[in-house]
C-alpha atoms as a PDB file:
ATOM      1  CA  UNK A   1      -0.010   0.077   0.078  1.00  0.00           C
ATOM      2  CA  UNK A   2       1.514   3.373  -1.032  1.00  0.00           C
ATOM      3  CA  UNK A   3       1.278   6.183   1.573  1.00  0.00           C
ATOM      4  CA  UNK A   4       0.521   9.736   0.865  1.00  0.00           C
ATOM      5  CA  UNK A   5       3.019  12.331   1.378  1.00  0.00           C
ATOM      6  CA  UNK A   6       1.634  14.751   4.038  1.00  0.00           C
ATOM      7  CA  UNK A   7       4.433  17.413   4.086  1.00  0.00           C
ATOM      8  CA  UNK A   8       7.490  17.709   1.514  1.00  0.00           C
ATOM      9  CA  UNK A   9      10.722  19.637   2.241  1.00  0.00           C
ATOM     10  CA  UNK A  10      12.606  20.802  -0.658  1.00  0.00           C
ATOM     11  CA  UNK A  11      16.225  22.336  -0.294  1.00  0.00           C
ATOM     12  CA  UNK A  12      17.535  23.699  -3.548  1.00  0.00           C
ATOM     13  CA  UNK A  13      21.300  24.269  -3.421  1.00  0.00           C
ATOM     14  CA  UNK A  14      23.371  25.765  -6.382  1.00  0.00           C
ATOM     15  CA  UNK A  15      24.106  22.429  -7.780  1.00  0.00           C
ATOM     16  CA  UNK A  16      21.809  19.903  -6.196  1.00  0.00           C
ATOM     17  CA  UNK A  17      18.329  19.754  -4.991  1.00  0.00           C
ATOM     18  CA  UNK A  18      17.285  17.516  -1.688  1.00  0.00           C
ATOM     19  CA  UNK A  19      13.889  16.431  -1.496  1.00  0.00           C
ATOM     20  CA  UNK A  20      12.401  15.014   1.917  1.00  0.00           C
ATOM     21  CA  UNK A  21       8.955  13.350   1.829  1.00  0.00           C
ATOM     22  CA  UNK A  22       7.467  13.729   5.368  1.00  0.00           C
ATOM     23  CA  UNK A  23       9.851  13.556   8.542  1.00  0.00           C
ATOM     24  CA  UNK A  24      10.169  17.334   8.640  1.00  0.00           C
ATOM     25  CA  UNK A  25       7.417  19.738   8.884  1.00  0.00           C
ATOM     26  CA  UNK A  26       6.631  23.505   9.986  1.00  0.00           C
ATOM     27  CA  UNK A  27       3.911  25.431  11.709  1.00  0.00           C
ATOM     28  CA  UNK A  28       3.685  23.974  15.194  1.00  0.00           C
ATOM     29  CA  UNK A  29       5.752  22.800  18.003  1.00  0.00           C
ATOM     30  CA  UNK A  30       6.610  19.116  17.445  1.00  0.00           C
ATOM     31  CA  UNK A  31       9.319  16.895  16.216  1.00  0.00           C
ATOM     32  CA  UNK A  32       8.906  17.425  12.528  1.00  0.00           C
ATOM     33  CA  UNK A  33       9.543  21.266  13.078  1.00  0.00           C
ATOM     34  CA  UNK A  34      12.398  20.345  15.460  1.00  0.00           C
ATOM     35  CA  UNK A  35      14.155  18.247  12.904  1.00  0.00           C
ATOM     36  CA  UNK A  36      13.737  21.150  10.656  1.00  0.00           C
ATOM     37  CA  UNK A  37      15.235  23.680  12.885  1.00  0.00           C
ATOM     38  CA  UNK A  38      18.322  21.342  12.962  1.00  0.00           C
ATOM     39  CA  UNK A  39      18.538  21.103   9.166  1.00  0.00           C
ATOM     40  CA  UNK A  40      18.294  24.854   8.746  1.00  0.00           C
ATOM     41  CA  UNK A  41      21.011  25.581  11.395  1.00  0.00           C
ATOM     42  CA  UNK A  42      23.258  23.053   9.548  1.00  0.00           C
ATOM     43  CA  UNK A  43      22.799  24.819   6.360  1.00  0.00           C
ATOM     44  CA  UNK A  44      23.755  28.298   8.125  1.00  0.00           C
ATOM     45  CA  UNK A  45      20.509  29.597   9.259  1.00  0.00           C
ATOM     46  CA  UNK A  46      20.586  31.455  12.752  1.00  0.00           C
ATOM     47  CA  UNK A  47      18.994  29.754  15.304  1.00  0.00           C
ATOM     48  CA  UNK A  48      16.068  32.450  15.929  1.00  0.00           C
ATOM     49  CA  UNK A  49      15.345  32.421  12.228  1.00  0.00           C
ATOM     50  CA  UNK A  50      15.309  28.899  11.974  1.00  0.00           C
ATOM     51  CA  UNK A  51      12.846  28.448  15.091  1.00  0.00           C
ATOM     52  CA  UNK A  52      10.677  31.286  13.291  1.00  0.00           C
ATOM     53  CA  UNK A  53      10.480  29.505   9.849  1.00  0.00           C
ATOM     54  CA  UNK A  54       9.962  26.066  11.477  1.00  0.00           C
ATOM     55  CA  UNK A  55       7.729  26.733  14.074  1.00  0.00           C
ATOM     56  CA  UNK A  56       5.451  30.090  13.372  1.00  0.00           C
ATOM     57  CA  UNK A  57       1.821  28.786  13.072  1.00  0.00           C
ATOM     58  CA  UNK A  58       0.245  31.939  11.162  1.00  0.00           C
ATOM     59  CA  UNK A  59       2.942  32.707   8.762  1.00  0.00           C
ATOM     60  CA  UNK A  60       3.770  29.034   7.375  1.00  0.00           C
ATOM     61  CA  UNK A  61       1.026  26.907   7.668  1.00  0.00           C
ATOM     62  CA  UNK A  62       1.359  25.676   4.179  1.00  0.00           C
ATOM     63  CA  UNK A  63       5.157  25.838   3.829  1.00  0.00           C
ATOM     64  CA  UNK A  64       7.483  28.625   3.075  1.00  0.00           C
ATOM     65  CA  UNK A  65      10.380  29.474   0.837  1.00  0.00           C
ATOM     66  CA  UNK A  66      13.847  30.584   2.313  1.00  0.00           C
ATOM     67  CA  UNK A  67      16.522  31.641   0.111  1.00  0.00           C
ATOM     68  CA  UNK A  68      19.863  31.028   1.297  1.00  0.00           C
ATOM     69  CA  UNK A  69      22.995  32.792  -0.032  1.00  0.00           C
END
């Protein structure tokens, strides 16, 4: 039985794109957003910004786009 993807995280780099189906998420305070915070921090995003993008409920109910330079 094939399961449906509930949340997709796409990280686009200058040379590669990483797509993660489920496992990471945003918009609430749970395990998925905590994992997303860790990934964003390892990509160089400041902790406070990573927390905002991963856990802010009103702004990111449907996901977000974050451009890293």
